[in-house]
Structures are given as structure tokens and as C-alpha cells.
């Protein structure tokens, strides 16, 4: 009898402890935004010049694993960036829409141009403020040439290469006509890819897109009249629409990643810096790149 009471007490302690730990687990999920309940929207911020897609892709992957998140809102405040980085984010957003069926809504801030607009095309609906600067559908490559400066200071560059065009774009020599033709071919192809993304995402006639895909910018209101955006509204409007599309009742819980720490390179690349994004690319260890970027 005594042994039975002991085992019963042990069972209560073990069972109660397990229930307590389970409740703590659920509470931690709720506080971290990873809860199992419904009514959550993932908010992703894309800000500044887009040189790398790694952080955004990691954030998108995290939101995909969280089944409580029923829709995504992408807040864009960017002049664009490298072609590859913009395309990687664009493709991942399209995969989320097709694979998981989660609505992807874009909210444009003060600036969502070039590569920023390219990313926006991978959405179910685009919201822009009337004064948002957007568009700039085009491609740019910037190359520095310091050959005359080197000549003035008595420095001569010596290049040993195995192919005629191996040093094309070098900042120590003039760009040849043939090199320029090759670079132009690369940019034209990247431009065609941009046009195709707009045609697919916005369902606008390709000929019409080509007419406005010359790098020009638009206000949000102008973009709406052209069909480049759907609604004039702010971030709150985009979140409200996302909740409606996802069937969320009441005020949705917003799940967003903590902002990364501000770095020295961010300061140098900010509006108060005289350095261009191309110069920032050099600082980060790059050389030159094809860019969906508004200058």
C-alpha cells in the first residue's frame, strides 16, 4: 500500500513537471513569434543598396518554417543593387507564393527603384505612397579609369593574360570598342530579364513595358496609372490587406527579425557620404558588377 502511494506521488510529480515544461515551451514559442496559433504576418525589411541577398533569404527561410505565419509583407526602401542579389530575393518570393500559397504583399517606402522594384514584381499586390520614387527599370555598370592619373605619376600597369578580353574593364586601361560591345551585350540581356520580370509579375504587355523601361523614375501615383503598382497606401494598409488575403481575423501579430547593428560601411554608404554605391562595392572587396541600381 505504501509502495503504491509512493508510485502515485512520483507519477503526479513527473506528470506535473512534464505539463509545466510543455507550458513553458508554448510560452517561449509565443513570446518569440514562433507560436502554433494563427493570425501572424511576417514583415521583411529590404533597405539600402542591395549588395548581398544572404540576410533576406535567411529571414524568408525562417518565416517559411513558421507555420503560424499566414502572409508576408515586404517593406522596400532601396534604390536597388546588384542583379544577382535582386534576382535571388525575387525568385525566393515567387517560390513562397507557389509552393506554400502564402500571400506576398509589397509596401514601398520613400524609394523602391530598379532592383527594389524588380523584387516588388514577385508579389500579389504592391502598395506605394503617392510620393514614393519607383521605376528606374534599367541596368547600369560603372567602370573607373585611372590610366591618365597613373601616367602622370609615372606608374605603368603591366598585364599578362591568356585571353584577349581577360582584362576587359580594368581601371588601368581604356575600354576598347570590342570590350564595350561585349559589356553592352551583357547589360542588354540583363535588361531583357528585368523587362520579363515586370511583364510576368505585373501582367503588362511587353511592348508597353519596353516603352517605359528606359531607366526613368516615377512617383507612386504615376506608377499606379501605368499599372506598375496596385494601390496607394502605407505600410499599415499593406499589412491590413495581407491579413485580409490570409483570412486573419482581428489585428494580426507582426513577426519581424531584429535589425542588424549599424556598421561603419553603412555610415560611409549613407546619404551623408560622397561615396557612390560603386565605390562601396570596391570597399567591400568587389571590382565591378552589373547593377539594377538607380543612380
C-alpha atoms as a PDB file:
ATOM      1  CA  UNK A   1       0.000   0.000   0.000  1.00  0.00           C
ATOM      2  CA  UNK A   2       2.812   2.334   0.952  1.00  0.00           C
ATOM      3  CA  UNK A   3       4.640   1.477  -2.280  1.00  0.00           C
ATOM      4  CA  UNK A   4       1.516   2.263  -4.333  1.00  0.00           C
ATOM      5  CA  UNK A   5       1.192   5.675  -2.731  1.00  0.00           C
ATOM      6  CA  UNK A   6       4.850   6.399  -3.447  1.00  0.00           C
ATOM      7  CA  UNK A   7       4.485   5.442  -7.127  1.00  0.00           C
ATOM      8  CA  UNK A   8       1.332   7.547  -7.392  1.00  0.00           C
ATOM      9  CA  UNK A   9       3.138  10.549  -5.939  1.00  0.00           C
ATOM     10  CA  UNK A  10       6.063  10.033  -8.320  1.00  0.00           C
ATOM     11  CA  UNK A  11       3.634   9.824 -11.259  1.00  0.00           C
ATOM     12  CA  UNK A  12       1.976  13.085 -10.216  1.00  0.00           C
ATOM     13  CA  UNK A  13       5.327  14.819  -9.882  1.00  0.00           C
ATOM     14  CA  UNK A  14       6.599  13.553 -13.251  1.00  0.00           C
ATOM     15  CA  UNK A  15       3.300  14.320 -14.993  1.00  0.00           C
ATOM     16  CA  UNK A  16       3.021  17.749 -13.410  1.00  0.00           C
ATOM     17  CA  UNK A  17       6.616  18.575 -14.259  1.00  0.00           C
ATOM     18  CA  UNK A  18       6.126  17.499 -17.864  1.00  0.00           C
ATOM     19  CA  UNK A  19       2.980  19.614 -18.180  1.00  0.00           C
ATOM     20  CA  UNK A  20       4.794  22.596 -16.662  1.00  0.00           C
ATOM     21  CA  UNK A  21       7.706  22.234 -19.095  1.00  0.00           C
ATOM     22  CA  UNK A  22       5.279  21.924 -22.008  1.00  0.00           C
ATOM     23  CA  UNK A  23       3.531  25.126 -20.960  1.00  0.00           C
ATOM     24  CA  UNK A  24       6.889  26.897 -20.706  1.00  0.00           C
ATOM     25  CA  UNK A  25       7.708  25.651 -24.210  1.00  0.00           C
ATOM     26  CA  UNK A  26       4.444  27.024 -25.611  1.00  0.00           C
ATOM     27  CA  UNK A  27       5.005  30.320 -23.815  1.00  0.00           C
ATOM     28  CA  UNK A  28       8.508  30.658 -25.253  1.00  0.00           C
ATOM     29  CA  UNK A  29       7.153  29.978 -28.745  1.00  0.00           C
ATOM     30  CA  UNK A  30       4.505  32.639 -28.292  1.00  0.00           C
ATOM     31  CA  UNK A  31       6.945  35.248 -26.992  1.00  0.00           C
ATOM     32  CA  UNK A  32       9.380  34.574 -29.844  1.00  0.00           C
ATOM     33  CA  UNK A  33       6.704  34.839 -32.511  1.00  0.00           C
ATOM     34  CA  UNK A  34       7.012  31.135 -33.382  1.00  0.00           C
ATOM     35  CA  UNK A  35       3.718  30.114 -31.852  1.00  0.00           C
ATOM     36  CA  UNK A  36       1.410  27.466 -33.243  1.00  0.00           C
ATOM     37  CA  UNK A  37      -1.631  29.723 -33.385  1.00  0.00           C
ATOM     38  CA  UNK A  38      -2.982  31.593 -36.394  1.00  0.00           C
ATOM     39  CA  UNK A  39      -3.009  35.286 -37.145  1.00  0.00           C
ATOM     40  CA  UNK A  40       0.647  36.140 -37.787  1.00  0.00           C
ATOM     41  CA  UNK A  41       2.246  38.115 -40.613  1.00  0.00           C
ATOM     42  CA  UNK A  42       5.946  38.056 -41.386  1.00  0.00           C
ATOM     43  CA  UNK A  43       7.425  41.510 -42.027  1.00  0.00           C
ATOM     44  CA  UNK A  44      10.652  41.695 -44.027  1.00  0.00           C
ATOM     45  CA  UNK A  45      12.625  44.911 -44.456  1.00  0.00           C
ATOM     46  CA  UNK A  46      14.779  45.477 -47.550  1.00  0.00           C
ATOM     47  CA  UNK A  47      16.711  48.695 -47.060  1.00  0.00           C
ATOM     48  CA  UNK A  48      19.631  50.452 -48.709  1.00  0.00           C
ATOM     49  CA  UNK A  49      21.765  49.257 -51.602  1.00  0.00           C
ATOM     50  CA  UNK A  50      21.271  45.510 -52.111  1.00  0.00           C
ATOM     51  CA  UNK A  51      24.756  44.021 -52.436  1.00  0.00           C
ATOM     52  CA  UNK A  52      24.023  40.624 -50.887  1.00  0.00           C
ATOM     53  CA  UNK A  53      20.826  38.587 -50.515  1.00  0.00           C
ATOM     54  CA  UNK A  54      22.011  36.297 -47.705  1.00  0.00           C
ATOM     55  CA  UNK A  55      20.319  38.020 -44.737  1.00  0.00           C
ATOM     56  CA  UNK A  56      16.980  38.423 -46.522  1.00  0.00           C
ATOM     57  CA  UNK A  57      16.995  34.810 -47.733  1.00  0.00           C
ATOM     58  CA  UNK A  58      17.719  33.560 -44.207  1.00  0.00           C
ATOM     59  CA  UNK A  59      14.839  35.628 -42.882  1.00  0.00           C
ATOM     60  CA  UNK A  60      12.499  34.298 -45.569  1.00  0.00           C
ATOM     61  CA  UNK A  61      13.538  30.734 -44.741  1.00  0.00           C
ATOM     62  CA  UNK A  62      12.749  31.319 -41.077  1.00  0.00           C
ATOM     63  CA  UNK A  63       9.289  32.647 -41.931  1.00  0.00           C
ATOM     64  CA  UNK A  64       8.637  29.647 -44.167  1.00  0.00           C
ATOM     65  CA  UNK A  65       9.335  27.258 -41.303  1.00  0.00           C
ATOM     66  CA  UNK A  66       6.913  29.135 -39.054  1.00  0.00           C
ATOM     67  CA  UNK A  67       3.518  27.690 -39.992  1.00  0.00           C
ATOM     68  CA  UNK A  68       1.747  30.305 -37.875  1.00  0.00           C
ATOM     69  CA  UNK A  69       2.765  32.965 -40.409  1.00  0.00           C
ATOM     70  CA  UNK A  70      -0.012  33.156 -42.971  1.00  0.00           C
ATOM     71  CA  UNK A  71       1.266  36.013 -45.148  1.00  0.00           C
ATOM     72  CA  UNK A  72       4.385  38.079 -45.830  1.00  0.00           C
ATOM     73  CA  UNK A  73       4.713  41.844 -46.146  1.00  0.00           C
ATOM     74  CA  UNK A  74       7.935  43.060 -47.765  1.00  0.00           C
ATOM     75  CA  UNK A  75       8.808  46.674 -46.912  1.00  0.00           C
ATOM     76  CA  UNK A  76      11.161  48.075 -49.560  1.00  0.00           C
ATOM     77  CA  UNK A  77      13.273  51.210 -49.083  1.00  0.00           C
ATOM     78  CA  UNK A  78      16.008  50.691 -51.644  1.00  0.00           C
ATOM     79  CA  UNK A  79      17.470  52.134 -54.864  1.00  0.00           C
ATOM     80  CA  UNK A  80      18.299  48.570 -55.969  1.00  0.00           C
ATOM     81  CA  UNK A  81      21.662  46.869 -56.138  1.00  0.00           C
ATOM     82  CA  UNK A  82      23.424  44.025 -57.895  1.00  0.00           C
ATOM     83  CA  UNK A  83      21.462  41.999 -60.429  1.00  0.00           C
ATOM     84  CA  UNK A  84      22.154  38.637 -58.798  1.00  0.00           C
ATOM     85  CA  UNK A  85      21.121  39.724 -55.294  1.00  0.00           C
ATOM     86  CA  UNK A  86      17.821  41.202 -56.512  1.00  0.00           C
ATOM     87  CA  UNK A  87      17.088  38.115 -58.604  1.00  0.00           C
ATOM     88  CA  UNK A  88      17.742  35.716 -55.730  1.00  0.00           C
ATOM     89  CA  UNK A  89      15.252  37.517 -53.479  1.00  0.00           C
ATOM     90  CA  UNK A  90      12.753  37.764 -56.345  1.00  0.00           C
ATOM     91  CA  UNK A  91      12.957  34.028 -57.058  1.00  0.00           C
ATOM     92  CA  UNK A  92      12.581  33.070 -53.389  1.00  0.00           C
ATOM     93  CA  UNK A  93       9.451  35.196 -53.004  1.00  0.00           C
ATOM     94  CA  UNK A  94       7.941  33.553 -56.080  1.00  0.00           C
ATOM     95  CA  UNK A  95       8.727  30.111 -54.635  1.00  0.00           C
ATOM     96  CA  UNK A  96       6.964  31.005 -51.390  1.00  0.00           C
ATOM     97  CA  UNK A  97       3.882  32.100 -53.312  1.00  0.00           C
ATOM     98  CA  UNK A  98       3.741  28.990 -55.494  1.00  0.00           C
ATOM     99  CA  UNK A  99       4.994  26.389 -53.015  1.00  0.00           C
ATOM    100  CA  UNK A 100       3.233  27.499 -49.841  1.00  0.00           C
ATOM    101  CA  UNK A 101       0.448  29.645 -51.212  1.00  0.00           C
ATOM    102  CA  UNK A 102       1.258  32.435 -48.765  1.00  0.00           C
ATOM    103  CA  UNK A 103       0.268  35.914 -49.973  1.00  0.00           C
ATOM    104  CA  UNK A 104       3.252  38.212 -50.525  1.00  0.00           C
ATOM    105  CA  UNK A 105       2.409  41.912 -50.301  1.00  0.00           C
ATOM    106  CA  UNK A 106       4.899  44.709 -51.001  1.00  0.00           C
ATOM    107  CA  UNK A 107       4.887  48.071 -49.251  1.00  0.00           C
ATOM    108  CA  UNK A 108       7.091  50.717 -50.845  1.00  0.00           C
ATOM    109  CA  UNK A 109       8.630  53.361 -48.628  1.00  0.00           C
ATOM    110  CA  UNK A 110      10.257  56.551 -49.871  1.00  0.00           C
ATOM    111  CA  UNK A 111      12.290  54.753 -52.536  1.00  0.00           C
ATOM    112  CA  UNK A 112      11.757  51.387 -54.248  1.00  0.00           C
ATOM    113  CA  UNK A 113      13.513  51.657 -57.566  1.00  0.00           C
ATOM    114  CA  UNK A 114      15.409  49.493 -60.032  1.00  0.00           C
ATOM    115  CA  UNK A 115      16.354  46.275 -58.175  1.00  0.00           C
ATOM    116  CA  UNK A 116      13.935  47.305 -55.416  1.00  0.00           C
ATOM    117  CA  UNK A 117      11.145  47.401 -57.995  1.00  0.00           C
ATOM    118  CA  UNK A 118      12.372  44.139 -59.543  1.00  0.00           C
ATOM    119  CA  UNK A 119      11.836  42.413 -56.176  1.00  0.00           C
ATOM    120  CA  UNK A 120       8.409  44.033 -55.824  1.00  0.00           C
ATOM    121  CA  UNK A 121       7.264  42.277 -59.005  1.00  0.00           C
ATOM    122  CA  UNK A 122       7.336  38.942 -57.108  1.00  0.00           C
ATOM    123  CA  UNK A 123       4.252  39.861 -55.113  1.00  0.00           C
ATOM    124  CA  UNK A 124       0.492  39.533 -55.153  1.00  0.00           C
ATOM    125  CA  UNK A 125      -0.063  43.258 -54.628  1.00  0.00           C
ATOM    126  CA  UNK A 126       2.086  46.380 -54.457  1.00  0.00           C
ATOM    127  CA  UNK A 127       1.312  49.356 -52.225  1.00  0.00           C
ATOM    128  CA  UNK A 128       3.135  52.653 -52.730  1.00  0.00           C
ATOM    129  CA  UNK A 129       2.823  56.101 -51.219  1.00  0.00           C
ATOM    130  CA  UNK A 130       1.791  58.811 -53.697  1.00  0.00           C
ATOM    131  CA  UNK A 131       5.269  60.326 -53.434  1.00  0.00           C
ATOM    132  CA  UNK A 132       7.263  57.071 -53.475  1.00  0.00           C
ATOM    133  CA  UNK A 133      10.077  57.132 -56.029  1.00  0.00           C
ATOM    134  CA  UNK A 134       9.945  53.933 -58.044  1.00  0.00           C
ATOM    135  CA  UNK A 135      10.556  52.567 -61.544  1.00  0.00           C
ATOM    136  CA  UNK A 136      14.106  53.076 -62.874  1.00  0.00           C
ATOM    137  CA  UNK A 137      13.702  49.870 -64.893  1.00  0.00           C
ATOM    138  CA  UNK A 138      17.153  49.512 -66.348  1.00  0.00           C
ATOM    139  CA  UNK A 139      20.689  48.240 -65.876  1.00  0.00           C
ATOM    140  CA  UNK A 140      23.937  50.049 -65.190  1.00  0.00           C
ATOM    141  CA  UNK A 141      27.621  49.186 -64.960  1.00  0.00           C
ATOM    142  CA  UNK A 142      30.188  51.667 -63.692  1.00  0.00           C
ATOM    143  CA  UNK A 143      33.861  51.349 -64.517  1.00  0.00           C
ATOM    144  CA  UNK A 144      36.663  53.564 -63.257  1.00  0.00           C
ATOM    145  CA  UNK A 145      39.611  54.508 -65.458  1.00  0.00           C
ATOM    146  CA  UNK A 146      42.740  55.906 -63.810  1.00  0.00           C
ATOM    147  CA  UNK A 147      45.175  55.273 -66.673  1.00  0.00           C
ATOM    148  CA  UNK A 148      45.862  59.010 -67.213  1.00  0.00           C
ATOM    149  CA  UNK A 149      46.459  59.524 -63.490  1.00  0.00           C
ATOM    150  CA  UNK A 150      48.956  56.649 -63.434  1.00  0.00           C
ATOM    151  CA  UNK A 151      50.710  58.127 -66.454  1.00  0.00           C
ATOM    152  CA  UNK A 152      51.058  61.493 -64.682  1.00  0.00           C
ATOM    153  CA  UNK A 153      52.681  59.945 -61.622  1.00  0.00           C
ATOM    154  CA  UNK A 154      54.912  57.675 -63.682  1.00  0.00           C
ATOM    155  CA  UNK A 155      53.250  54.347 -62.930  1.00  0.00           C
ATOM    156  CA  UNK A 156      52.765  51.822 -65.720  1.00  0.00           C
ATOM    157  CA  UNK A 157      50.494  48.814 -65.479  1.00  0.00           C
ATOM    158  CA  UNK A 158      51.768  45.506 -66.874  1.00  0.00           C
ATOM    159  CA  UNK A 159      49.165  42.798 -67.574  1.00  0.00           C
ATOM    160  CA  UNK A 160      49.907  39.204 -68.543  1.00  0.00           C
ATOM    161  CA  UNK A 161      46.811  37.386 -69.798  1.00  0.00           C
ATOM    162  CA  UNK A 162      45.762  34.245 -71.651  1.00  0.00           C
ATOM    163  CA  UNK A 163      42.743  35.670 -73.457  1.00  0.00           C
ATOM    164  CA  UNK A 164      42.097  38.813 -75.468  1.00  0.00           C
ATOM    165  CA  UNK A 165      39.324  40.050 -73.168  1.00  0.00           C
ATOM    166  CA  UNK A 166      40.606  38.719 -69.841  1.00  0.00           C
ATOM    167  CA  UNK A 167      41.364  42.225 -68.549  1.00  0.00           C
ATOM    168  CA  UNK A 168      38.313  43.948 -70.005  1.00  0.00           C
ATOM    169  CA  UNK A 169      37.056  46.560 -67.586  1.00  0.00           C
ATOM    170  CA  UNK A 170      40.453  47.051 -65.983  1.00  0.00           C
ATOM    171  CA  UNK A 171      40.743  50.513 -64.438  1.00  0.00           C
ATOM    172  CA  UNK A 172      44.311  50.835 -65.737  1.00  0.00           C
ATOM    173  CA  UNK A 173      43.440  50.880 -69.442  1.00  0.00           C
ATOM    174  CA  UNK A 174      40.996  52.499 -71.840  1.00  0.00           C
ATOM    175  CA  UNK A 175      37.917  50.474 -72.740  1.00  0.00           C
ATOM    176  CA  UNK A 176      38.234  49.169 -76.318  1.00  0.00           C
ATOM    177  CA  UNK A 177      35.348  49.254 -78.778  1.00  0.00           C
ATOM    178  CA  UNK A 178      35.125  45.467 -78.707  1.00  0.00           C
ATOM    179  CA  UNK A 179      35.134  45.355 -74.892  1.00  0.00           C
ATOM    180  CA  UNK A 180      32.372  47.959 -74.820  1.00  0.00           C
ATOM    181  CA  UNK A 181      30.329  45.876 -77.276  1.00  0.00           C
ATOM    182  CA  UNK A 182      30.656  42.807 -75.061  1.00  0.00           C
ATOM    183  CA  UNK A 183      29.684  44.736 -71.927  1.00  0.00           C
ATOM    184  CA  UNK A 184      26.698  46.233 -73.743  1.00  0.00           C
ATOM    185  CA  UNK A 185      25.551  42.737 -74.714  1.00  0.00           C
ATOM    186  CA  UNK A 186      25.653  41.659 -71.059  1.00  0.00           C
ATOM    187  CA  UNK A 187      23.659  44.713 -69.974  1.00  0.00           C
ATOM    188  CA  UNK A 188      21.108  44.256 -72.762  1.00  0.00           C
ATOM    189  CA  UNK A 189      20.495  40.667 -71.678  1.00  0.00           C
ATOM    190  CA  UNK A 190      20.124  41.692 -68.012  1.00  0.00           C
ATOM    191  CA  UNK A 191      17.725  44.424 -69.132  1.00  0.00           C
ATOM    192  CA  UNK A 192      15.633  41.857 -71.030  1.00  0.00           C
ATOM    193  CA  UNK A 193      15.439  39.771 -67.847  1.00  0.00           C
ATOM    194  CA  UNK A 194      14.170  42.822 -65.942  1.00  0.00           C
ATOM    195  CA  UNK A 195      11.505  43.513 -68.580  1.00  0.00           C
ATOM    196  CA  UNK A 196      10.385  39.866 -68.489  1.00  0.00           C
ATOM    197  CA  UNK A 197      10.054  40.017 -64.676  1.00  0.00           C
ATOM    198  CA  UNK A 198       7.840  43.107 -64.946  1.00  0.00           C
ATOM    199  CA  UNK A 199       5.713  41.533 -67.703  1.00  0.00           C
ATOM    200  CA  UNK A 200       5.241  38.351 -65.679  1.00  0.00           C
ATOM    201  CA  UNK A 201       4.656  39.998 -62.315  1.00  0.00           C
ATOM    202  CA  UNK A 202       2.505  42.914 -63.431  1.00  0.00           C
ATOM    203  CA  UNK A 203       0.769  41.297 -66.419  1.00  0.00           C
ATOM    204  CA  UNK A 204       1.528  44.269 -68.643  1.00  0.00           C
ATOM    205  CA  UNK A 205       2.096  43.994 -72.395  1.00  0.00           C
ATOM    206  CA  UNK A 206       5.793  43.581 -73.172  1.00  0.00           C
ATOM    207  CA  UNK A 207       5.771  46.369 -75.732  1.00  0.00           C
ATOM    208  CA  UNK A 208       4.265  48.750 -73.174  1.00  0.00           C
ATOM    209  CA  UNK A 209       6.889  47.800 -70.598  1.00  0.00           C
ATOM    210  CA  UNK A 210       9.701  48.421 -73.074  1.00  0.00           C
ATOM    211  CA  UNK A 211       8.371  51.927 -73.687  1.00  0.00           C
ATOM    212  CA  UNK A 212       8.884  52.888 -70.040  1.00  0.00           C
ATOM    213  CA  UNK A 213      11.871  50.629 -69.249  1.00  0.00           C
ATOM    214  CA  UNK A 214      14.471  53.249 -70.104  1.00  0.00           C
ATOM    215  CA  UNK A 215      15.652  53.969 -66.565  1.00  0.00           C
ATOM    216  CA  UNK A 216      13.183  56.790 -65.887  1.00  0.00           C
ATOM    217  CA  UNK A 217      11.653  57.140 -62.428  1.00  0.00           C
ATOM    218  CA  UNK A 218       8.031  57.643 -61.391  1.00  0.00           C
ATOM    219  CA  UNK A 219       6.131  58.779 -58.336  1.00  0.00           C
ATOM    220  CA  UNK A 220       3.858  56.235 -56.713  1.00  0.00           C
ATOM    221  CA  UNK A 221       0.847  57.949 -58.236  1.00  0.00           C
ATOM    222  CA  UNK A 222       2.368  57.896 -61.722  1.00  0.00           C
ATOM    223  CA  UNK A 223       3.334  54.250 -61.274  1.00  0.00           C
ATOM    224  CA  UNK A 224      -0.234  53.364 -60.343  1.00  0.00           C
ATOM    225  CA  UNK A 225      -1.578  54.988 -63.504  1.00  0.00           C
ATOM    226  CA  UNK A 226       0.887  52.876 -65.516  1.00  0.00           C
ATOM    227  CA  UNK A 227      -0.026  49.650 -63.729  1.00  0.00           C
ATOM    228  CA  UNK A 228       3.369  49.302 -62.050  1.00  0.00           C
ATOM    229  CA  UNK A 229       1.747  49.378 -58.585  1.00  0.00           C
ATOM    230  CA  UNK A 230      -1.758  48.410 -57.442  1.00  0.00           C
ATOM    231  CA  UNK A 231      -2.683  50.668 -54.527  1.00  0.00           C
ATOM    232  CA  UNK A 232      -1.724  53.971 -52.969  1.00  0.00           C
ATOM    233  CA  UNK A 233      -1.239  53.333 -49.269  1.00  0.00           C
ATOM    234  CA  UNK A 234       1.254  52.981 -46.439  1.00  0.00           C
ATOM    235  CA  UNK A 235       2.688  50.031 -44.523  1.00  0.00           C
ATOM    236  CA  UNK A 236      -0.403  49.749 -42.309  1.00  0.00           C
ATOM    237  CA  UNK A 237      -2.595  49.466 -45.412  1.00  0.00           C
ATOM    238  CA  UNK A 238      -0.374  46.711 -46.808  1.00  0.00           C
ATOM    239  CA  UNK A 239      -0.492  44.769 -43.524  1.00  0.00           C
ATOM    240  CA  UNK A 240      -4.273  45.136 -43.341  1.00  0.00           C
ATOM    241  CA  UNK A 241      -4.636  43.840 -46.900  1.00  0.00           C
ATOM    242  CA  UNK A 242      -2.258  40.926 -46.206  1.00  0.00           C
ATOM    243  CA  UNK A 243      -4.339  39.932 -43.165  1.00  0.00           C
ATOM    244  CA  UNK A 244      -7.486  40.044 -45.276  1.00  0.00           C
ATOM    245  CA  UNK A 245      -5.935  37.896 -48.021  1.00  0.00           C
ATOM    246  CA  UNK A 246      -4.741  35.373 -45.432  1.00  0.00           C
ATOM    247  CA  UNK A 247      -8.132  35.198 -43.709  1.00  0.00           C
ATOM    248  CA  UNK A 248      -6.801  36.576 -40.424  1.00  0.00           C
ATOM    249  CA  UNK A 249      -9.496  37.900 -38.087  1.00  0.00           C
ATOM    250  CA  UNK A 250      -8.750  40.932 -35.967  1.00  0.00           C
ATOM    251  CA  UNK A 251      -5.368  42.615 -35.603  1.00  0.00           C
ATOM    252  CA  UNK A 252      -2.566  40.331 -36.851  1.00  0.00           C
ATOM    253  CA  UNK A 253       0.607  39.720 -34.845  1.00  0.00           C
ATOM    254  CA  UNK A 254       3.660  41.012 -36.714  1.00  0.00           C
ATOM    255  CA  UNK A 255       6.765  38.826 -36.719  1.00  0.00           C
ATOM    256  CA  UNK A 256       9.959  40.538 -37.816  1.00  0.00           C
ATOM    257  CA  UNK A 257      13.659  39.965 -37.347  1.00  0.00           C
ATOM    258  CA  UNK A 258      15.726  42.215 -35.129  1.00  0.00           C
ATOM    259  CA  UNK A 259      17.607  44.840 -37.081  1.00  0.00           C
ATOM    260  CA  UNK A 260      21.299  44.245 -37.543  1.00  0.00           C
ATOM    261  CA  UNK A 261      23.791  46.589 -35.940  1.00  0.00           C
ATOM    262  CA  UNK A 262      24.744  49.749 -37.817  1.00  0.00           C
ATOM    263  CA  UNK A 263      28.264  49.435 -39.226  1.00  0.00           C
ATOM    264  CA  UNK A 264      30.955  51.842 -40.415  1.00  0.00           C
ATOM    265  CA  UNK A 265      30.350  50.774 -44.006  1.00  0.00           C
ATOM    266  CA  UNK A 266      26.661  51.626 -43.587  1.00  0.00           C
ATOM    267  CA  UNK A 267      27.706  55.108 -42.446  1.00  0.00           C
ATOM    268  CA  UNK A 268      30.041  55.535 -45.412  1.00  0.00           C
ATOM    269  CA  UNK A 269      27.292  54.373 -47.764  1.00  0.00           C
ATOM    270  CA  UNK A 270      24.582  56.574 -46.299  1.00  0.00           C
ATOM    271  CA  UNK A 271      23.213  59.781 -47.790  1.00  0.00           C
ATOM    272  CA  UNK A 272      25.778  61.899 -45.982  1.00  0.00           C
ATOM    273  CA  UNK A 273      28.645  60.123 -47.738  1.00  0.00           C
ATOM    274  CA  UNK A 274      30.142  61.336 -51.027  1.00  0.00           C
ATOM    275  CA  UNK A 275      30.885  57.723 -51.943  1.00  0.00           C
ATOM    276  CA  UNK A 276      28.688  56.115 -54.589  1.00  0.00           C
ATOM    277  CA  UNK A 277      27.366  52.532 -54.350  1.00  0.00           C
ATOM    278  CA  UNK A 278      30.008  51.557 -56.905  1.00  0.00           C
ATOM    279  CA  UNK A 279      32.703  52.878 -54.559  1.00  0.00           C
ATOM    280  CA  UNK A 280      31.116  50.933 -51.723  1.00  0.00           C
ATOM    281  CA  UNK A 281      31.385  47.807 -53.856  1.00  0.00           C
ATOM    282  CA  UNK A 282      35.141  48.408 -54.073  1.00  0.00           C
ATOM    283  CA  UNK A 283      35.345  48.890 -50.299  1.00  0.00           C
ATOM    284  CA  UNK A 284      33.576  45.589 -49.772  1.00  0.00           C
ATOM    285  CA  UNK A 285      36.137  43.776 -51.905  1.00  0.00           C
ATOM    286  CA  UNK A 286      34.282  43.833 -55.220  1.00  0.00           C
ATOM    287  CA  UNK A 287      35.576  45.100 -58.555  1.00  0.00           C
ATOM    288  CA  UNK A 288      32.688  45.900 -60.857  1.00  0.00           C
ATOM    289  CA  UNK A 289      29.206  44.477 -61.238  1.00  0.00           C
ATOM    290  CA  UNK A 290      26.093  44.670 -63.360  1.00  0.00           C
ATOM    291  CA  UNK A 291      23.515  46.518 -61.284  1.00  0.00           C
ATOM    292  CA  UNK A 292      19.780  47.107 -61.140  1.00  0.00           C
ATOM    293  CA  UNK A 293      20.515  50.399 -59.427  1.00  0.00           C
ATOM    294  CA  UNK A 294      19.114  53.938 -59.518  1.00  0.00           C
ATOM    295  CA  UNK A 295      21.965  56.435 -59.504  1.00  0.00           C
END
